[in-house]
mmCIF file of all heavy atoms, coordinates in Angstrom:
data_MODEL
# 
_entry.id   MODEL 
# 
loop_
_atom_site.group_PDB 
_atom_site.id 
_atom_site.type_symbol 
_atom_site.label_atom_id 
_atom_site.label_alt_id 
_atom_site.label_comp_id 
_atom_site.label_asym_id 
_atom_site.label_entity_id 
_atom_site.label_seq_id 
_atom_site.pdbx_PDB_ins_code 
_atom_site.Cartn_x 
_atom_site.Cartn_y 
_atom_site.Cartn_z 
_atom_site.occupancy 
_atom_site.B_iso_or_equiv 
_atom_site.pdbx_formal_charge 
_atom_site.auth_seq_id 
_atom_site.auth_comp_id 
_atom_site.auth_asym_id 
_atom_site.auth_atom_id 
_atom_site.pdbx_PDB_model_num 
ATOM 1   N N   . ASP A 1 1  ? 0.862  -1.189 -0.045  1.00 0.00 ? 1  ASP A N   1 
ATOM 2   C CA  . ASP A 1 1  ? 0.006  -0.042 0.005   1.00 0.00 ? 1  ASP A CA  1 
ATOM 3   C C   . ASP A 1 1  ? 0.836  1.213  -0.075  1.00 0.00 ? 1  ASP A C   1 
ATOM 4   O O   . ASP A 1 1  ? 2.058  1.186  -0.061  1.00 0.00 ? 1  ASP A O   1 
ATOM 5   C CB  . ASP A 1 1  ? -0.979 0.004  1.110   1.00 0.00 ? 1  ASP A CB  1 
ATOM 6   C CG  . ASP A 1 1  ? -0.248 -0.096 2.566   1.00 0.00 ? 1  ASP A CG  1 
ATOM 7   O OD1 . ASP A 1 1  ? 0.926  0.331  2.610   1.00 0.00 ? 1  ASP A OD1 1 
ATOM 8   O OD2 . ASP A 1 1  ? -0.930 -0.558 3.552   1.00 0.00 ? 1  ASP A OD2 1 
ATOM 9   N N   . ASP A 1 2  ? 0.302  2.371  0.082   1.00 0.00 ? 2  ASP A N   1 
ATOM 10  C CA  . ASP A 1 2  ? 0.970  3.700  -0.016  1.00 0.00 ? 2  ASP A CA  1 
ATOM 11  C C   . ASP A 1 2  ? 1.931  3.854  1.174   1.00 0.00 ? 2  ASP A C   1 
ATOM 12  O O   . ASP A 1 2  ? 3.038  4.468  1.035   1.00 0.00 ? 2  ASP A O   1 
ATOM 13  C CB  . ASP A 1 2  ? -0.019 4.860  -0.102  1.00 0.00 ? 2  ASP A CB  1 
ATOM 14  C CG  . ASP A 1 2  ? -0.763 4.913  -1.412  1.00 0.00 ? 2  ASP A CG  1 
ATOM 15  O OD1 . ASP A 1 2  ? -0.212 4.343  -2.397  1.00 0.00 ? 2  ASP A OD1 1 
ATOM 16  O OD2 . ASP A 1 2  ? -1.764 5.612  -1.440  1.00 0.00 ? 2  ASP A OD2 1 
ATOM 17  N N   . THR A 1 3  ? 1.579  3.325  2.313   1.00 0.00 ? 3  THR A N   1 
ATOM 18  C CA  . THR A 1 3  ? 2.525  3.457  3.474   1.00 0.00 ? 3  THR A CA  1 
ATOM 19  C C   . THR A 1 3  ? 3.745  2.556  3.202   1.00 0.00 ? 3  THR A C   1 
ATOM 20  O O   . THR A 1 3  ? 4.885  2.996  3.498   1.00 0.00 ? 3  THR A O   1 
ATOM 21  C CB  . THR A 1 3  ? 1.798  2.889  4.778   1.00 0.00 ? 3  THR A CB  1 
ATOM 22  O OG1 . THR A 1 3  ? 0.683  3.696  5.012   1.00 0.00 ? 3  THR A OG1 1 
ATOM 23  C CG2 . THR A 1 3  ? 2.732  2.950  5.924   1.00 0.00 ? 3  THR A CG2 1 
ATOM 24  N N   . ASP A 1 4  ? 3.568  1.322  2.617   1.00 0.00 ? 4  ASP A N   1 
ATOM 25  C CA  . ASP A 1 4  ? 4.740  0.523  2.327   1.00 0.00 ? 4  ASP A CA  1 
ATOM 26  C C   . ASP A 1 4  ? 5.664  1.185  1.287   1.00 0.00 ? 4  ASP A C   1 
ATOM 27  O O   . ASP A 1 4  ? 6.892  1.178  1.429   1.00 0.00 ? 4  ASP A O   1 
ATOM 28  C CB  . ASP A 1 4  ? 4.252  -0.788 1.661   1.00 0.00 ? 4  ASP A CB  1 
ATOM 29  C CG  . ASP A 1 4  ? 3.401  -1.709 2.630   1.00 0.00 ? 4  ASP A CG  1 
ATOM 30  O OD1 . ASP A 1 4  ? 3.763  -1.689 3.784   1.00 0.00 ? 4  ASP A OD1 1 
ATOM 31  O OD2 . ASP A 1 4  ? 2.504  -2.226 2.157   1.00 0.00 ? 4  ASP A OD2 1 
ATOM 32  N N   . ARG A 1 5  ? 5.063  1.878  0.249   1.00 0.00 ? 5  ARG A N   1 
ATOM 33  C CA  . ARG A 1 5  ? 5.757  2.555  -0.692  1.00 0.00 ? 5  ARG A CA  1 
ATOM 34  C C   . ARG A 1 5  ? 6.514  3.758  -0.110  1.00 0.00 ? 5  ARG A C   1 
ATOM 35  O O   . ARG A 1 5  ? 7.717  3.982  -0.536  1.00 0.00 ? 5  ARG A O   1 
ATOM 36  C CB  . ARG A 1 5  ? 4.884  2.999  -1.891  1.00 0.00 ? 5  ARG A CB  1 
ATOM 37  C CG  . ARG A 1 5  ? 4.524  1.835  -2.766  1.00 0.00 ? 5  ARG A CG  1 
ATOM 38  C CD  . ARG A 1 5  ? 3.685  2.178  -4.047  1.00 0.00 ? 5  ARG A CD  1 
ATOM 39  N NE  . ARG A 1 5  ? 2.269  2.164  -3.653  1.00 0.00 ? 5  ARG A NE  1 
ATOM 40  C CZ  . ARG A 1 5  ? 1.507  1.231  -3.776  1.00 0.00 ? 5  ARG A CZ  1 
ATOM 41  N NH1 . ARG A 1 5  ? 1.981  -0.019 -4.076  1.00 0.00 ? 5  ARG A NH1 1 
ATOM 42  N NH2 . ARG A 1 5  ? 0.226  1.279  -3.484  1.00 0.00 ? 5  ARG A NH2 1 
ATOM 43  N N   . GLU A 1 6  ? 5.959  4.490  0.814   1.00 0.00 ? 6  GLU A N   1 
ATOM 44  C CA  . GLU A 1 6  ? 6.636  5.545  1.393   1.00 0.00 ? 6  GLU A CA  1 
ATOM 45  C C   . GLU A 1 6  ? 7.871  5.097  2.256   1.00 0.00 ? 6  GLU A C   1 
ATOM 46  O O   . GLU A 1 6  ? 8.879  5.711  2.285   1.00 0.00 ? 6  GLU A O   1 
ATOM 47  C CB  . GLU A 1 6  ? 5.657  6.406  2.292   1.00 0.00 ? 6  GLU A CB  1 
ATOM 48  C CG  . GLU A 1 6  ? 6.343  7.549  3.043   1.00 0.00 ? 6  GLU A CG  1 
ATOM 49  C CD  . GLU A 1 6  ? 7.123  8.464  2.272   1.00 0.00 ? 6  GLU A CD  1 
ATOM 50  O OE1 . GLU A 1 6  ? 6.712  8.730  1.087   1.00 0.00 ? 6  GLU A OE1 1 
ATOM 51  O OE2 . GLU A 1 6  ? 8.119  8.982  2.811   1.00 0.00 ? 6  GLU A OE2 1 
ATOM 52  N N   . GLU A 1 7  ? 7.659  3.988  2.979   1.00 0.00 ? 7  GLU A N   1 
ATOM 53  C CA  . GLU A 1 7  ? 8.719  3.371  3.773   1.00 0.00 ? 7  GLU A CA  1 
ATOM 54  C C   . GLU A 1 7  ? 9.915  2.992  2.866   1.00 0.00 ? 7  GLU A C   1 
ATOM 55  O O   . GLU A 1 7  ? 11.082 3.215  3.196   1.00 0.00 ? 7  GLU A O   1 
ATOM 56  C CB  . GLU A 1 7  ? 8.272  2.208  4.611   1.00 0.00 ? 7  GLU A CB  1 
ATOM 57  C CG  . GLU A 1 7  ? 7.260  2.535  5.711   1.00 0.00 ? 7  GLU A CG  1 
ATOM 58  C CD  . GLU A 1 7  ? 6.706  1.430  6.465   1.00 0.00 ? 7  GLU A CD  1 
ATOM 59  O OE1 . GLU A 1 7  ? 6.879  0.263  5.879   1.00 0.00 ? 7  GLU A OE1 1 
ATOM 60  O OE2 . GLU A 1 7  ? 6.181  1.575  7.472   1.00 0.00 ? 7  GLU A OE2 1 
ATOM 61  N N   . LEU A 1 8  ? 9.600  2.429  1.692   1.00 0.00 ? 8  LEU A N   1 
ATOM 62  C CA  . LEU A 1 8  ? 10.658 2.065  0.790   1.00 0.00 ? 8  LEU A CA  1 
ATOM 63  C C   . LEU A 1 8  ? 11.364 3.288  0.215   1.00 0.00 ? 8  LEU A C   1 
ATOM 64  O O   . LEU A 1 8  ? 12.542 3.321  0.154   1.00 0.00 ? 8  LEU A O   1 
ATOM 65  C CB  . LEU A 1 8  ? 10.050 1.216  -0.400  1.00 0.00 ? 8  LEU A CB  1 
ATOM 66  C CG  . LEU A 1 8  ? 9.778  -0.310 -0.019  1.00 0.00 ? 8  LEU A CG  1 
ATOM 67  C CD1 . LEU A 1 8  ? 8.754  -0.851 -1.066  1.00 0.00 ? 8  LEU A CD1 1 
ATOM 68  C CD2 . LEU A 1 8  ? 11.063 -1.095 0.027   1.00 0.00 ? 8  LEU A CD2 1 
ATOM 69  N N   . SER A 1 9  ? 10.554 4.265  -0.213  1.00 0.00 ? 9  SER A N   1 
ATOM 70  C CA  . SER A 1 9  ? 11.128 5.501  -0.705  1.00 0.00 ? 9  SER A CA  1 
ATOM 71  C C   . SER A 1 9  ? 12.052 6.196  0.293   1.00 0.00 ? 9  SER A C   1 
ATOM 72  O O   . SER A 1 9  ? 13.119 6.709  -0.045  1.00 0.00 ? 9  SER A O   1 
ATOM 73  C CB  . SER A 1 9  ? 10.013 6.540  -1.186  1.00 0.00 ? 9  SER A CB  1 
ATOM 74  O OG  . SER A 1 9  ? 9.355  6.039  -2.266  1.00 0.00 ? 9  SER A OG  1 
ATOM 75  N N   . ALA A 1 10 ? 11.664 6.127  1.576   1.00 0.00 ? 10 ALA A N   1 
ATOM 76  C CA  . ALA A 1 10 ? 12.423 6.779  2.631   1.00 0.00 ? 10 ALA A CA  1 
ATOM 77  C C   . ALA A 1 10 ? 13.805 6.148  2.765   1.00 0.00 ? 10 ALA A C   1 
ATOM 78  O O   . ALA A 1 10 ? 14.745 6.804  3.231   1.00 0.00 ? 10 ALA A O   1 
ATOM 79  C CB  . ALA A 1 10 ? 11.661 6.789  3.907   1.00 0.00 ? 10 ALA A CB  1 
ATOM 80  N N   . LEU A 1 11 ? 13.995 4.940  2.312   1.00 0.00 ? 11 LEU A N   1 
ATOM 81  C CA  . LEU A 1 11 ? 15.319 4.300  2.352   1.00 0.00 ? 11 LEU A CA  1 
ATOM 82  C C   . LEU A 1 11 ? 16.408 5.107  1.558   1.00 0.00 ? 11 LEU A C   1 
ATOM 83  O O   . LEU A 1 11 ? 17.484 4.874  1.832   1.00 0.00 ? 11 LEU A O   1 
ATOM 84  C CB  . LEU A 1 11 ? 15.215 2.875  1.836   1.00 0.00 ? 11 LEU A CB  1 
ATOM 85  C CG  . LEU A 1 11 ? 14.582 1.825  2.816   1.00 0.00 ? 11 LEU A CG  1 
ATOM 86  C CD1 . LEU A 1 11 ? 14.305 0.526  2.077   1.00 0.00 ? 11 LEU A CD1 1 
ATOM 87  C CD2 . LEU A 1 11 ? 15.492 1.571  4.042   1.00 0.00 ? 11 LEU A CD2 1 
ATOM 88  N N   . LEU A 1 12 ? 15.863 5.868  0.585   1.00 0.00 ? 12 LEU A N   1 
ATOM 89  C CA  . LEU A 1 12 ? 16.880 6.577  -0.131  1.00 0.00 ? 12 LEU A CA  1 
ATOM 90  C C   . LEU A 1 12 ? 17.675 7.549  0.617   1.00 0.00 ? 12 LEU A C   1 
ATOM 91  O O   . LEU A 1 12 ? 18.703 8.060  0.164   1.00 0.00 ? 12 LEU A O   1 
ATOM 92  C CB  . LEU A 1 12 ? 16.143 7.355  -1.312  1.00 0.00 ? 12 LEU A CB  1 
ATOM 93  C CG  . LEU A 1 12 ? 15.552 6.517  -2.437  1.00 0.00 ? 12 LEU A CG  1 
ATOM 94  C CD1 . LEU A 1 12 ? 14.551 7.264  -3.288  1.00 0.00 ? 12 LEU A CD1 1 
ATOM 95  C CD2 . LEU A 1 12 ? 16.697 5.931  -3.362  1.00 0.00 ? 12 LEU A CD2 1 
ATOM 96  N N   . GLN A 1 13 ? 17.216 7.880  1.848   1.00 0.00 ? 13 GLN A N   1 
ATOM 97  C CA  . GLN A 1 13 ? 17.916 8.762  2.759   1.00 0.00 ? 13 GLN A CA  1 
ATOM 98  C C   . GLN A 1 13 ? 19.058 8.053  3.386   1.00 0.00 ? 13 GLN A C   1 
ATOM 99  O O   . GLN A 1 13 ? 19.991 8.714  3.948   1.00 0.00 ? 13 GLN A O   1 
ATOM 100 C CB  . GLN A 1 13 ? 17.040 9.297  3.773   1.00 0.00 ? 13 GLN A CB  1 
ATOM 101 C CG  . GLN A 1 13 ? 15.819 10.008 3.245   1.00 0.00 ? 13 GLN A CG  1 
ATOM 102 C CD  . GLN A 1 13 ? 16.016 11.447 2.841   1.00 0.00 ? 13 GLN A CD  1 
ATOM 103 O OE1 . GLN A 1 13 ? 17.196 11.910 3.017   1.00 0.00 ? 13 GLN A OE1 1 
ATOM 104 N NE2 . GLN A 1 13 ? 15.093 12.131 2.295   1.00 0.00 ? 13 GLN A NE2 1 
ATOM 105 N N   . GLU A 1 14 ? 19.134 6.762  3.335   1.00 0.00 ? 14 GLU A N   1 
ATOM 106 C CA  . GLU A 1 14 ? 20.149 5.982  3.967   1.00 0.00 ? 14 GLU A CA  1 
ATOM 107 C C   . GLU A 1 14 ? 21.508 6.111  3.199   1.00 0.00 ? 14 GLU A C   1 
ATOM 108 O O   . GLU A 1 14 ? 21.555 6.039  2.014   1.00 0.00 ? 14 GLU A O   1 
ATOM 109 C CB  . GLU A 1 14 ? 19.750 4.496  4.084   1.00 0.00 ? 14 GLU A CB  1 
ATOM 110 C CG  . GLU A 1 14 ? 18.525 4.200  4.892   1.00 0.00 ? 14 GLU A CG  1 
ATOM 111 C CD  . GLU A 1 14 ? 18.709 4.206  6.388   1.00 0.00 ? 14 GLU A CD  1 
ATOM 112 O OE1 . GLU A 1 14 ? 19.887 4.039  6.766   1.00 0.00 ? 14 GLU A OE1 1 
ATOM 113 O OE2 . GLU A 1 14 ? 17.745 4.453  7.061   1.00 0.00 ? 14 GLU A OE2 1 
ATOM 114 N N   . ASP A 1 15 ? 22.557 6.193  4.065   1.00 0.00 ? 15 ASP A N   1 
ATOM 115 C CA  . ASP A 1 15 ? 23.915 6.352  3.433   1.00 0.00 ? 15 ASP A CA  1 
ATOM 116 C C   . ASP A 1 15 ? 24.324 5.169  2.611   1.00 0.00 ? 15 ASP A C   1 
ATOM 117 O O   . ASP A 1 15 ? 24.975 5.294  1.559   1.00 0.00 ? 15 ASP A O   1 
ATOM 118 C CB  . ASP A 1 15 ? 24.922 6.499  4.548   1.00 0.00 ? 15 ASP A CB  1 
ATOM 119 C CG  . ASP A 1 15 ? 24.826 7.869  5.322   1.00 0.00 ? 15 ASP A CG  1 
ATOM 120 O OD1 . ASP A 1 15 ? 24.219 8.821  4.735   1.00 0.00 ? 15 ASP A OD1 1 
ATOM 121 O OD2 . ASP A 1 15 ? 25.356 8.065  6.373   1.00 0.00 ? 15 ASP A OD2 1 
ATOM 122 N N   . ARG A 1 16 ? 23.907 3.950  2.973   1.00 0.00 ? 16 ARG A N   1 
ATOM 123 C CA  . ARG A 1 16 ? 24.228 2.756  2.220   1.00 0.00 ? 16 ARG A CA  1 
ATOM 124 C C   . ARG A 1 16 ? 23.338 2.388  1.129   1.00 0.00 ? 16 ARG A C   1 
ATOM 125 O O   . ARG A 1 16 ? 23.529 1.342  0.455   1.00 0.00 ? 16 ARG A O   1 
ATOM 126 C CB  . ARG A 1 16 ? 24.472 1.580  3.228   1.00 0.00 ? 16 ARG A CB  1 
ATOM 127 C CG  . ARG A 1 16 ? 25.651 1.767  4.100   1.00 0.00 ? 16 ARG A CG  1 
ATOM 128 C CD  . ARG A 1 16 ? 25.691 0.678  5.183   1.00 0.00 ? 16 ARG A CD  1 
ATOM 129 N NE  . ARG A 1 16 ? 25.730 -0.616 4.606   1.00 0.00 ? 16 ARG A NE  1 
ATOM 130 C CZ  . ARG A 1 16 ? 25.209 -1.758 5.191   1.00 0.00 ? 16 ARG A CZ  1 
ATOM 131 N NH1 . ARG A 1 16 ? 24.571 -1.688 6.370   1.00 0.00 ? 16 ARG A NH1 1 
ATOM 132 N NH2 . ARG A 1 16 ? 25.334 -2.889 4.612   1.00 0.00 ? 16 ARG A NH2 1 
ATOM 133 N N   . ILE A 1 17 ? 22.309 3.197  0.865   1.00 0.00 ? 17 ILE A N   1 
ATOM 134 C CA  . ILE A 1 17 ? 21.331 3.083  -0.258  1.00 0.00 ? 17 ILE A CA  1 
ATOM 135 C C   . ILE A 1 17 ? 21.843 4.017  -1.345  1.00 0.00 ? 17 ILE A C   1 
ATOM 136 O O   . ILE A 1 17 ? 21.764 5.262  -1.095  1.00 0.00 ? 17 ILE A O   1 
ATOM 137 C CB  . ILE A 1 17 ? 19.956 3.231  0.140   1.00 0.00 ? 17 ILE A CB  1 
ATOM 138 C CG1 . ILE A 1 17 ? 19.504 2.188  1.172   1.00 0.00 ? 17 ILE A CG1 1 
ATOM 139 C CG2 . ILE A 1 17 ? 19.108 3.217  -1.092  1.00 0.00 ? 17 ILE A CG2 1 
ATOM 140 C CD1 . ILE A 1 17 ? 19.457 0.814  0.704   1.00 0.00 ? 17 ILE A CD1 1 
ATOM 141 N N   . VAL A 1 18 ? 22.256 3.496  -2.472  1.00 0.00 ? 18 VAL A N   1 
ATOM 142 C CA  . VAL A 1 18 ? 22.801 4.443  -3.490  1.00 0.00 ? 18 VAL A CA  1 
ATOM 143 C C   . VAL A 1 18 ? 21.849 4.835  -4.584  1.00 0.00 ? 18 VAL A C   1 
ATOM 144 O O   . VAL A 1 18 ? 22.149 5.662  -5.406  1.00 0.00 ? 18 VAL A O   1 
ATOM 145 C CB  . VAL A 1 18 ? 24.024 3.735  -4.145  1.00 0.00 ? 18 VAL A CB  1 
ATOM 146 C CG1 . VAL A 1 18 ? 25.187 3.502  -3.245  1.00 0.00 ? 18 VAL A CG1 1 
ATOM 147 C CG2 . VAL A 1 18 ? 23.639 2.394  -4.845  1.00 0.00 ? 18 VAL A CG2 1 
ATOM 148 N N   . GLY A 1 19 ? 20.653 4.240  -4.571  1.00 0.00 ? 19 GLY A N   1 
ATOM 149 C CA  . GLY A 1 19 ? 19.671 4.610  -5.578  1.00 0.00 ? 19 GLY A CA  1 
ATOM 150 C C   . GLY A 1 19 ? 18.592 3.572  -5.612  1.00 0.00 ? 19 GLY A C   1 
ATOM 151 O O   . GLY A 1 19 ? 18.308 2.901  -4.693  1.00 0.00 ? 19 GLY A O   1 
ATOM 152 N N   . THR A 1 20 ? 17.819 3.588  -6.741  1.00 0.00 ? 20 THR A N   1 
ATOM 153 C CA  . THR A 1 20 ? 16.772 2.669  -6.954  1.00 0.00 ? 20 THR A CA  1 
ATOM 154 C C   . THR A 1 20 ? 17.329 1.381  -7.703  1.00 0.00 ? 20 THR A C   1 
ATOM 155 O O   . THR A 1 20 ? 18.285 1.470  -8.427  1.00 0.00 ? 20 THR A O   1 
ATOM 156 C CB  . THR A 1 20 ? 15.617 3.149  -7.690  1.00 0.00 ? 20 THR A CB  1 
ATOM 157 O OG1 . THR A 1 20 ? 15.994 3.316  -9.159  1.00 0.00 ? 20 THR A OG1 1 
ATOM 158 C CG2 . THR A 1 20 ? 15.192 4.538  -7.259  1.00 0.00 ? 20 THR A CG2 1 
ATOM 159 N N   . GLY A 1 21 ? 16.640 0.220  -7.447  1.00 0.00 ? 21 GLY A N   1 
ATOM 160 C CA  . GLY A 1 21 ? 16.997 -0.914 -8.146  1.00 0.00 ? 21 GLY A CA  1 
ATOM 161 C C   . GLY A 1 21 ? 16.472 -0.941 -9.527  1.00 0.00 ? 21 GLY A C   1 
ATOM 162 O O   . GLY A 1 21 ? 15.785 0.012  -9.940  1.00 0.00 ? 21 GLY A O   1 
ATOM 163 N N   . GLU A 1 22 ? 16.694 -2.076 -10.277 1.00 0.00 ? 22 GLU A N   1 
ATOM 164 C CA  . GLU A 1 22 ? 16.434 -2.103 -11.734 1.00 0.00 ? 22 GLU A CA  1 
ATOM 165 C C   . GLU A 1 22 ? 14.900 -1.977 -11.901 1.00 0.00 ? 22 GLU A C   1 
ATOM 166 O O   . GLU A 1 22 ? 14.117 -2.751 -11.435 1.00 0.00 ? 22 GLU A O   1 
ATOM 167 C CB  . GLU A 1 22 ? 16.991 -3.386 -12.310 1.00 0.00 ? 22 GLU A CB  1 
ATOM 168 C CG  . GLU A 1 22 ? 16.481 -4.634 -11.607 1.00 0.00 ? 22 GLU A CG  1 
ATOM 169 C CD  . GLU A 1 22 ? 17.267 -5.865 -12.064 1.00 0.00 ? 22 GLU A CD  1 
ATOM 170 O OE1 . GLU A 1 22 ? 18.483 -5.737 -12.442 1.00 0.00 ? 22 GLU A OE1 1 
ATOM 171 O OE2 . GLU A 1 22 ? 16.678 -6.981 -11.935 1.00 0.00 ? 22 GLU A OE2 1 
ATOM 172 N N   . ILE A 1 23 ? 14.539 -0.982 -12.736 1.00 0.00 ? 23 ILE A N   1 
ATOM 173 C CA  . ILE A 1 23 ? 13.240 -0.811 -13.189 1.00 0.00 ? 23 ILE A CA  1 
ATOM 174 C C   . ILE A 1 23 ? 13.083 -1.202 -14.708 1.00 0.00 ? 23 ILE A C   1 
ATOM 175 O O   . ILE A 1 23 ? 13.699 -0.632 -15.569 1.00 0.00 ? 23 ILE A O   1 
ATOM 176 C CB  . ILE A 1 23 ? 12.759 0.642  -13.028 1.00 0.00 ? 23 ILE A CB  1 
ATOM 177 C CG1 . ILE A 1 23 ? 13.017 1.132  -11.601 1.00 0.00 ? 23 ILE A CG1 1 
ATOM 178 C CG2 . ILE A 1 23 ? 11.302 0.816  -13.408 1.00 0.00 ? 23 ILE A CG2 1 
ATOM 179 C CD1 . ILE A 1 23 ? 12.713 2.680  -11.384 1.00 0.00 ? 23 ILE A CD1 1 
ATOM 180 N N   . PRO A 1 24 ? 12.270 -2.248 -14.969 1.00 0.00 ? 24 PRO A N   1 
ATOM 181 C CA  . PRO A 1 24 ? 12.095 -2.703 -16.313 1.00 0.00 ? 24 PRO A CA  1 
ATOM 182 C C   . PRO A 1 24 ? 11.475 -1.557 -17.239 1.00 0.00 ? 24 PRO A C   1 
ATOM 183 O O   . PRO A 1 24 ? 10.605 -0.851 -16.801 1.00 0.00 ? 24 PRO A O   1 
ATOM 184 C CB  . PRO A 1 24 ? 11.152 -3.909 -16.182 1.00 0.00 ? 24 PRO A CB  1 
ATOM 185 C CG  . PRO A 1 24 ? 11.291 -4.326 -14.847 1.00 0.00 ? 24 PRO A CG  1 
ATOM 186 C CD  . PRO A 1 24 ? 11.562 -3.147 -14.049 1.00 0.00 ? 24 PRO A CD  1 
# 
């Protein structure tokens, strides 16, 4: 749901997260 998606998007703030994964 939208809450799940917001939690995933917020990971972009993490130092060890460099970007998004592969989008077909």
